[in-house]
Amino acid sequence: MSILSDHIEEFIKELLIEDEGMAELQRNELAQKFNCAPSQINYVLTTRFSPNRGYVTESRRGGGGYIRVIRLDIERCDYISDIIDEQLSRPINMRQAAELVEGLMQTGLIDCKTKNVLLAAVSDRALAAAKEYKEELRSTILKEILSTVLLKEDN
């Protein structure tokens, strides 16, 4: 299923490039193109085109319904501040951290090497000694890294 999701994601990203950051899709047509259930399209949209990753999705149901995917034109500092204020103000699990870090890479704020370093730093293995506090610690580590390294690059 992951390979199919990758193909759907790449197809949508190509449409976004062609259409200068916004693409309108028909869920059923896309499902037919990839020979999958419409729920697979929903899965890709919700997991790979979320605000954390620099995208907004809108949908309208019905006969003339559509899904609109918009790549956000993000100001670096504002985007990182929003992440710190909204997502890192509470404990986060490893899945949430991975999604957040992936979003930073997809929006061009970090490269693949930095992504891997961040994920290693906040992994369950690295935080094993923290036991019941690892989600709080994970959030704090990411918050400090983002505010110290990424935000200060703008100043």
N, C-alpha and C. Protein backbone atom coordinates (compact mmCIF):
# COMPACT_ATOMS: atom_id res chain seq x y z
N MET A 1 0.82 -1.19 0.00
CA MET A 1 0.00 0.00 0.00
C MET A 1 0.87 1.26 0.00
N SER A 2 1.97 1.19 0.64
CA SER A 2 2.87 2.34 0.72
C SER A 2 3.37 2.77 -0.65
N ILE A 3 3.67 1.82 -1.53
CA ILE A 3 4.16 2.16 -2.86
C ILE A 3 3.07 2.87 -3.65
N LEU A 4 1.83 2.40 -3.54
CA LEU A 4 0.72 3.06 -4.21
C LEU A 4 0.55 4.48 -3.67
N SER A 5 0.64 4.63 -2.38
CA SER A 5 0.54 5.96 -1.77
C SER A 5 1.63 6.88 -2.28
N ASP A 6 2.84 6.35 -2.43
CA ASP A 6 3.94 7.15 -2.96
C ASP A 6 3.64 7.63 -4.38
N HIS A 7 3.08 6.73 -5.21
CA HIS A 7 2.75 7.10 -6.59
C HIS A 7 1.67 8.17 -6.64
N ILE A 8 0.65 8.02 -5.81
CA ILE A 8 -0.43 9.02 -5.76
C ILE A 8 0.13 10.36 -5.30
N GLU A 9 0.96 10.33 -4.26
CA GLU A 9 1.58 11.56 -3.76
C GLU A 9 2.39 12.25 -4.85
N GLU A 10 3.21 11.51 -5.55
CA GLU A 10 4.05 12.09 -6.60
C GLU A 10 3.19 12.68 -7.72
N PHE A 11 2.13 11.99 -8.09
CA PHE A 11 1.23 12.49 -9.12
C PHE A 11 0.63 13.83 -8.72
N ILE A 12 0.15 13.91 -7.49
CA ILE A 12 -0.45 15.16 -7.00
C ILE A 12 0.59 16.27 -6.94
N LYS A 13 1.80 15.95 -6.50
CA LYS A 13 2.86 16.96 -6.45
C LYS A 13 3.21 17.47 -7.84
N GLU A 14 3.21 16.58 -8.83
CA GLU A 14 3.46 17.02 -10.20
C GLU A 14 2.37 17.97 -10.68
N LEU A 15 1.12 17.68 -10.33
CA LEU A 15 0.02 18.58 -10.67
C LEU A 15 0.20 19.94 -10.00
N LEU A 16 0.66 19.93 -8.77
CA LEU A 16 0.88 21.18 -8.05
C LEU A 16 1.96 22.02 -8.72
N ILE A 17 3.00 21.37 -9.21
CA ILE A 17 4.06 22.09 -9.92
C ILE A 17 3.51 22.68 -11.21
N GLU A 18 2.77 21.87 -11.97
CA GLU A 18 2.21 22.33 -13.24
C GLU A 18 1.22 23.48 -13.04
N ASP A 19 0.43 23.40 -11.98
CA ASP A 19 -0.62 24.38 -11.74
C ASP A 19 -0.22 25.46 -10.75
N GLU A 20 1.07 25.65 -10.58
CA GLU A 20 1.63 26.71 -9.74
C GLU A 20 1.10 26.70 -8.31
N GLY A 21 1.07 25.53 -7.70
CA GLY A 21 0.78 25.44 -6.27
C GLY A 21 -0.64 25.12 -5.90
N MET A 22 -1.54 24.93 -6.89
CA MET A 22 -2.91 24.56 -6.57
C MET A 22 -3.42 23.56 -7.60
N ALA A 23 -4.03 22.50 -7.13
CA ALA A 23 -4.57 21.49 -8.04
C ALA A 23 -5.96 21.09 -7.58
N GLU A 24 -6.88 20.98 -8.53
CA GLU A 24 -8.21 20.47 -8.24
C GLU A 24 -8.31 19.06 -8.77
N LEU A 25 -8.77 18.16 -7.93
CA LEU A 25 -8.82 16.74 -8.25
C LEU A 25 -10.23 16.21 -8.08
N GLN A 26 -10.55 15.20 -8.82
CA GLN A 26 -11.78 14.43 -8.62
C GLN A 26 -11.36 13.13 -7.95
N ARG A 27 -11.85 12.90 -6.76
CA ARG A 27 -11.45 11.72 -5.98
C ARG A 27 -11.69 10.43 -6.76
N ASN A 28 -12.88 10.28 -7.35
CA ASN A 28 -13.20 9.04 -8.07
C ASN A 28 -12.34 8.86 -9.31
N GLU A 29 -12.09 9.95 -10.04
CA GLU A 29 -11.24 9.86 -11.23
C GLU A 29 -9.82 9.45 -10.84
N LEU A 30 -9.32 10.04 -9.76
CA LEU A 30 -7.98 9.69 -9.29
C LEU A 30 -7.93 8.23 -8.85
N ALA A 31 -8.98 7.78 -8.17
CA ALA A 31 -9.04 6.38 -7.72
C ALA A 31 -9.05 5.44 -8.93
N GLN A 32 -9.77 5.81 -9.98
CA GLN A 32 -9.79 4.99 -11.19
C GLN A 32 -8.42 4.97 -11.86
N LYS A 33 -7.78 6.13 -11.91
CA LYS A 33 -6.46 6.23 -12.54
C LYS A 33 -5.46 5.28 -11.86
N PHE A 34 -5.54 5.20 -10.54
CA PHE A 34 -4.60 4.37 -9.79
C PHE A 34 -5.17 3.00 -9.41
N ASN A 35 -6.38 2.73 -9.90
CA ASN A 35 -7.02 1.44 -9.65
C ASN A 35 -7.07 1.11 -8.15
N CYS A 36 -7.62 2.05 -7.40
CA CYS A 36 -7.70 1.87 -5.95
C CYS A 36 -9.04 2.41 -5.46
N ALA A 37 -9.31 2.22 -4.20
CA ALA A 37 -10.53 2.74 -3.59
C ALA A 37 -10.37 4.23 -3.31
N PRO A 38 -11.46 4.99 -3.37
CA PRO A 38 -11.38 6.42 -3.04
C PRO A 38 -10.82 6.67 -1.64
N SER A 39 -11.01 5.71 -0.74
CA SER A 39 -10.46 5.88 0.62
C SER A 39 -8.94 5.94 0.60
N GLN A 40 -8.31 5.30 -0.39
CA GLN A 40 -6.85 5.37 -0.51
C GLN A 40 -6.43 6.80 -0.86
N ILE A 41 -7.21 7.46 -1.69
CA ILE A 41 -6.95 8.86 -2.05
C ILE A 41 -7.09 9.71 -0.79
N ASN A 42 -8.14 9.46 -0.02
CA ASN A 42 -8.33 10.20 1.25
C ASN A 42 -7.14 10.02 2.17
N TYR A 43 -6.65 8.78 2.26
CA TYR A 43 -5.51 8.48 3.12
C TYR A 43 -4.29 9.31 2.71
N VAL A 44 -4.00 9.33 1.41
CA VAL A 44 -2.84 10.09 0.93
C VAL A 44 -3.03 11.57 1.22
N LEU A 45 -4.22 12.08 0.98
CA LEU A 45 -4.46 13.51 1.21
C LEU A 45 -4.31 13.89 2.67
N THR A 46 -4.83 13.06 3.56
CA THR A 46 -4.78 13.41 4.98
C THR A 46 -3.40 13.20 5.60
N THR A 47 -2.64 12.23 5.09
CA THR A 47 -1.34 11.96 5.71
C THR A 47 -0.18 12.69 5.04
N ARG A 48 -0.31 13.01 3.77
CA ARG A 48 0.82 13.57 3.04
C ARG A 48 0.60 14.99 2.55
N PHE A 49 -0.60 15.50 2.70
CA PHE A 49 -0.88 16.87 2.26
C PHE A 49 -1.57 17.63 3.38
N SER A 50 -0.97 17.57 4.55
CA SER A 50 -1.51 18.24 5.73
C SER A 50 -0.83 19.59 5.93
N PRO A 51 -1.41 20.45 6.75
CA PRO A 51 -0.76 21.73 7.05
C PRO A 51 0.64 21.56 7.63
N ASN A 52 0.86 20.48 8.38
CA ASN A 52 2.20 20.21 8.92
C ASN A 52 3.23 20.07 7.82
N ARG A 53 2.79 19.63 6.67
CA ARG A 53 3.69 19.43 5.54
C ARG A 53 3.62 20.56 4.53
N GLY A 54 2.89 21.62 4.88
CA GLY A 54 2.85 22.80 4.02
C GLY A 54 1.74 22.80 2.98
N TYR A 55 0.65 22.08 3.26
CA TYR A 55 -0.46 22.01 2.32
C TYR A 55 -1.78 22.23 3.03
N VAL A 56 -2.75 22.71 2.26
CA VAL A 56 -4.13 22.80 2.72
C VAL A 56 -4.97 22.05 1.71
N THR A 57 -5.91 21.25 2.20
CA THR A 57 -6.84 20.57 1.30
C THR A 57 -8.25 21.04 1.61
N GLU A 58 -9.01 21.28 0.55
CA GLU A 58 -10.41 21.66 0.66
C GLU A 58 -11.19 20.67 -0.17
N SER A 59 -12.42 20.39 0.23
CA SER A 59 -13.21 19.48 -0.58
C SER A 59 -14.66 19.92 -0.62
N ARG A 60 -15.30 19.57 -1.71
CA ARG A 60 -16.72 19.78 -1.87
C ARG A 60 -17.30 18.46 -2.35
N ARG A 61 -18.28 17.98 -1.64
CA ARG A 61 -18.89 16.69 -1.97
C ARG A 61 -20.02 16.89 -2.97
N GLY A 62 -20.44 15.80 -3.55
CA GLY A 62 -21.56 15.83 -4.48
C GLY A 62 -21.12 15.59 -5.90
N GLY A 63 -22.08 15.67 -6.83
CA GLY A 63 -21.83 15.38 -8.23
C GLY A 63 -20.72 16.20 -8.84
N GLY A 64 -20.68 17.49 -8.56
CA GLY A 64 -19.62 18.35 -9.09
C GLY A 64 -18.53 18.57 -8.08
N GLY A 65 -18.42 17.66 -7.13
CA GLY A 65 -17.46 17.83 -6.05
C GLY A 65 -16.02 17.74 -6.52
N TYR A 66 -15.15 18.25 -5.71
CA TYR A 66 -13.73 18.26 -6.04
C TYR A 66 -12.93 18.25 -4.75
N ILE A 67 -11.66 18.01 -4.91
CA ILE A 67 -10.70 18.19 -3.83
C ILE A 67 -9.68 19.18 -4.36
N ARG A 68 -9.44 20.21 -3.61
CA ARG A 68 -8.45 21.21 -3.99
C ARG A 68 -7.27 21.08 -3.02
N VAL A 69 -6.08 20.92 -3.58
CA VAL A 69 -4.87 20.86 -2.79
C VAL A 69 -4.08 22.13 -3.09
N ILE A 70 -3.69 22.83 -2.03
CA ILE A 70 -2.97 24.09 -2.18
C ILE A 70 -1.67 24.00 -1.40
N ARG A 71 -0.57 24.26 -2.09
CA ARG A 71 0.72 24.33 -1.42
C ARG A 71 0.83 25.71 -0.80
N LEU A 72 1.10 25.74 0.50
CA LEU A 72 1.18 27.00 1.21
C LEU A 72 2.44 27.77 0.83
N ASP A 73 2.29 29.05 0.65
CA ASP A 73 3.44 29.93 0.45
C ASP A 73 3.77 30.46 1.84
N ILE A 74 4.74 29.85 2.45
CA ILE A 74 4.99 30.05 3.87
C ILE A 74 6.16 30.98 4.13
N GLU A 75 5.95 31.90 5.03
CA GLU A 75 7.08 32.67 5.55
C GLU A 75 7.74 31.80 6.60
N ARG A 76 9.00 31.56 6.47
CA ARG A 76 9.74 30.65 7.32
C ARG A 76 9.53 30.89 8.81
N CYS A 77 9.73 32.07 9.25
CA CYS A 77 9.64 32.38 10.68
C CYS A 77 8.23 32.17 11.22
N ASP A 78 7.23 32.63 10.47
CA ASP A 78 5.84 32.47 10.90
C ASP A 78 5.46 30.99 10.98
N TYR A 79 5.88 30.24 9.98
CA TYR A 79 5.56 28.82 9.93
C TYR A 79 6.16 28.09 11.13
N ILE A 80 7.42 28.36 11.41
CA ILE A 80 8.09 27.69 12.54
C ILE A 80 7.47 28.14 13.86
N SER A 81 7.16 29.42 13.98
CA SER A 81 6.51 29.91 15.20
C SER A 81 5.17 29.23 15.43
N ASP A 82 4.41 29.04 14.35
CA ASP A 82 3.13 28.34 14.47
C ASP A 82 3.32 26.91 14.93
N ILE A 83 4.31 26.23 14.40
CA ILE A 83 4.59 24.86 14.82
C ILE A 83 4.92 24.82 16.31
N ILE A 84 5.77 25.73 16.73
CA ILE A 84 6.17 25.77 18.14
C ILE A 84 4.96 26.06 19.03
N ASP A 85 4.16 27.05 18.64
CA ASP A 85 3.01 27.44 19.46
C ASP A 85 1.88 26.42 19.46
N GLU A 86 1.60 25.84 18.31
CA GLU A 86 0.43 24.97 18.19
C GLU A 86 0.72 23.49 18.40
N GLN A 87 1.83 23.00 17.88
CA GLN A 87 2.06 21.56 17.92
C GLN A 87 3.03 21.13 19.01
N LEU A 88 3.92 22.01 19.39
CA LEU A 88 4.92 21.62 20.38
C LEU A 88 4.64 22.18 21.77
N SER A 89 3.44 22.70 21.94
CA SER A 89 3.06 23.21 23.26
C SER A 89 2.54 22.08 24.14
N ARG A 90 2.50 20.87 23.58
CA ARG A 90 2.03 19.70 24.31
C ARG A 90 2.92 18.50 23.95
N PRO A 91 2.86 17.45 24.73
CA PRO A 91 3.65 16.26 24.41
C PRO A 91 3.24 15.69 23.04
N ILE A 92 4.22 15.13 22.33
CA ILE A 92 3.91 14.50 21.04
C ILE A 92 4.56 13.12 20.96
N ASN A 93 3.90 12.23 20.25
CA ASN A 93 4.46 10.89 20.08
C ASN A 93 5.40 10.87 18.88
N MET A 94 6.03 9.75 18.65
CA MET A 94 7.03 9.65 17.59
C MET A 94 6.40 9.82 16.21
N ARG A 95 5.21 9.31 16.01
CA ARG A 95 4.54 9.45 14.72
C ARG A 95 4.28 10.93 14.42
N GLN A 96 3.80 11.67 15.41
CA GLN A 96 3.56 13.10 15.22
C GLN A 96 4.86 13.85 14.94
N ALA A 97 5.90 13.49 15.66
CA ALA A 97 7.21 14.13 15.45
C ALA A 97 7.72 13.85 14.04
N ALA A 98 7.57 12.62 13.60
CA ALA A 98 8.04 12.26 12.25
C ALA A 98 7.27 13.03 11.19
N GLU A 99 5.98 13.20 11.37
CA GLU A 99 5.17 13.96 10.42
C GLU A 99 5.59 15.42 10.40
N LEU A 100 5.82 15.98 11.56
CA LEU A 100 6.25 17.37 11.66
C LEU A 100 7.60 17.57 10.97
N VAL A 101 8.56 16.70 11.23
CA VAL A 101 9.89 16.82 10.66
C VAL A 101 9.83 16.60 9.14
N GLU A 102 9.01 15.66 8.70
CA GLU A 102 8.84 15.43 7.26
C GLU A 102 8.28 16.70 6.60
N GLY A 103 7.35 17.34 7.27
CA GLY A 103 6.80 18.59 6.76
C GLY A 103 7.84 19.69 6.64
N LEU A 104 8.74 19.75 7.59
CA LEU A 104 9.83 20.73 7.53
C LEU A 104 10.71 20.48 6.31
N MET A 105 10.94 19.20 6.02
CA MET A 105 11.77 18.89 4.86
C MET A 105 11.00 19.19 3.57
N GLN A 106 9.74 18.82 3.53
CA GLN A 106 8.97 19.02 2.30
C GLN A 106 8.76 20.50 1.99
N THR A 107 8.75 21.34 2.99
CA THR A 107 8.61 22.77 2.74
C THR A 107 9.96 23.44 2.48
N GLY A 108 11.03 22.64 2.52
CA GLY A 108 12.35 23.17 2.20
C GLY A 108 13.07 23.84 3.35
N LEU A 109 12.54 23.70 4.55
CA LEU A 109 13.17 24.34 5.71
C LEU A 109 14.37 23.56 6.22
N ILE A 110 14.37 22.26 5.98
CA ILE A 110 15.52 21.43 6.35
C ILE A 110 15.80 20.46 5.21
N ASP A 111 17.01 19.91 5.19
CA ASP A 111 17.34 18.93 4.17
C ASP A 111 17.18 17.52 4.75
N CYS A 112 17.40 16.53 3.92
CA CYS A 112 17.21 15.13 4.33
C CYS A 112 18.15 14.74 5.48
N LYS A 113 19.38 15.20 5.44
CA LYS A 113 20.34 14.87 6.49
C LYS A 113 19.88 15.44 7.84
N THR A 114 19.42 16.68 7.83
CA THR A 114 18.92 17.31 9.06
C THR A 114 17.67 16.58 9.56
N LYS A 115 16.81 16.19 8.64
CA LYS A 115 15.61 15.43 9.01
C LYS A 115 16.01 14.16 9.76
N ASN A 116 16.99 13.43 9.22
CA ASN A 116 17.42 12.18 9.86
C ASN A 116 18.04 12.42 11.23
N VAL A 117 18.79 13.50 11.37
CA VAL A 117 19.39 13.84 12.67
C VAL A 117 18.29 14.16 13.69
N LEU A 118 17.32 14.97 13.27
CA LEU A 118 16.21 15.31 14.17
C LEU A 118 15.43 14.07 14.60
N LEU A 119 15.13 13.21 13.64
CA LEU A 119 14.39 11.99 13.97
C LEU A 119 15.17 11.09 14.91
N ALA A 120 16.47 11.01 14.72
CA ALA A 120 17.30 10.21 15.62
C ALA A 120 17.31 10.80 17.03
N ALA A 121 17.37 12.12 17.11
CA ALA A 121 17.43 12.79 18.41
C ALA A 121 16.15 12.62 19.23
N VAL A 122 15.02 12.48 18.55
CA VAL A 122 13.75 12.38 19.29
C VAL A 122 13.13 10.98 19.20
N SER A 123 13.92 10.01 18.74
CA SER A 123 13.39 8.64 18.59
C SER A 123 13.10 8.02 19.96
N ASP A 124 12.24 7.00 19.93
CA ASP A 124 11.93 6.29 21.16
C ASP A 124 13.18 5.68 21.78
N ARG A 125 14.09 5.21 20.94
CA ARG A 125 15.33 4.62 21.44
C ARG A 125 16.18 5.67 22.17
N ALA A 126 16.31 6.86 21.57
CA ALA A 126 17.12 7.92 22.19
C ALA A 126 16.51 8.41 23.49
N LEU A 127 15.19 8.34 23.59
CA LEU A 127 14.51 8.86 24.78
C LEU A 127 14.06 7.75 25.73
N ALA A 128 14.57 6.55 25.54
CA ALA A 128 14.14 5.41 26.35
C ALA A 128 14.30 5.63 27.84
N ALA A 129 15.36 6.31 28.26
CA ALA A 129 15.59 6.52 29.69
C ALA A 129 14.55 7.45 30.31
N ALA A 130 13.89 8.26 29.48
CA ALA A 130 12.90 9.21 30.00
C ALA A 130 11.60 8.51 30.39
N LYS A 131 11.41 7.29 29.95
CA LYS A 131 10.23 6.46 30.24
C LYS A 131 8.93 7.22 30.03
N GLU A 132 8.18 7.49 31.09
CA GLU A 132 6.86 8.10 30.94
C GLU A 132 6.91 9.57 30.54
N TYR A 133 8.08 10.18 30.52
CA TYR A 133 8.19 11.59 30.15
C TYR A 133 8.73 11.80 28.73
N LYS A 134 8.86 10.72 27.97
CA LYS A 134 9.53 10.85 26.67
C LYS A 134 8.74 11.71 25.69
N GLU A 135 7.42 11.71 25.74
CA GLU A 135 6.66 12.55 24.81
C GLU A 135 6.81 14.03 25.14
N GLU A 136 6.88 14.35 26.43
CA GLU A 136 7.13 15.74 26.84
C GLU A 136 8.54 16.16 26.43
N LEU A 137 9.50 15.27 26.65
CA LEU A 137 10.89 15.55 26.31
C LEU A 137 11.05 15.70 24.80
N ARG A 138 10.39 14.85 24.03
CA ARG A 138 10.44 14.92 22.56
C ARG A 138 9.95 16.30 22.09
N SER A 139 8.85 16.75 22.63
CA SER A 139 8.29 18.05 22.27
C SER A 139 9.26 19.17 22.64
N THR A 140 9.85 19.09 23.81
CA THR A 140 10.78 20.12 24.27
C THR A 140 12.04 20.16 23.40
N ILE A 141 12.57 19.00 23.05
CA ILE A 141 13.77 18.94 22.20
C ILE A 141 13.48 19.59 20.85
N LEU A 142 12.38 19.20 20.22
CA LEU A 142 12.04 19.78 18.92
C LEU A 142 11.80 21.29 19.01
N LYS A 143 11.13 21.70 20.07
CA LYS A 143 10.87 23.13 20.26
C LYS A 143 12.17 23.91 20.38
N GLU A 144 13.11 23.40 21.16
CA GLU A 144 14.39 24.07 21.34
C GLU A 144 15.21 24.11 20.06
N ILE A 145 15.22 23.01 19.35
CA ILE A 145 15.98 22.98 18.09
C ILE A 145 15.39 23.97 17.10
N LEU A 146 14.08 23.94 16.94
CA LEU A 146 13.44 24.85 15.99
C LEU A 146 13.65 26.31 16.37
N SER A 147 13.45 26.63 17.63
CA SER A 147 13.57 28.03 18.03
C SER A 147 15.02 28.50 18.03
N THR A 148 15.95 27.64 18.37
CA THR A 148 17.35 28.03 18.43
C THR A 148 18.01 28.06 17.06
N VAL A 149 17.85 27.01 16.31
CA VAL A 149 18.57 26.89 15.04
C VAL A 149 17.82 27.56 13.89
N LEU A 150 16.60 27.14 13.67
CA LEU A 150 15.89 27.61 12.48
C LEU A 150 15.43 29.05 12.60
N LEU A 151 14.88 29.44 13.72
CA LEU A 151 14.39 30.82 13.85
C LEU A 151 15.54 31.81 13.87
N LYS A 152 16.66 31.45 14.48
CA LYS A 152 17.79 32.39 14.57
C LYS A 152 18.50 32.56 13.24
N GLU A 153 18.30 31.61 12.29
CA GLU A 153 18.89 31.78 10.97
C GLU A 153 18.27 32.98 10.24
N ASP A 154 17.05 33.34 10.61
CA ASP A 154 16.37 34.46 9.96
C ASP A 154 16.88 35.80 10.46
N ASN A 155 17.46 35.83 11.63
CA ASN A 155 17.88 37.12 12.22
C ASN A 155 19.28 37.48 11.84
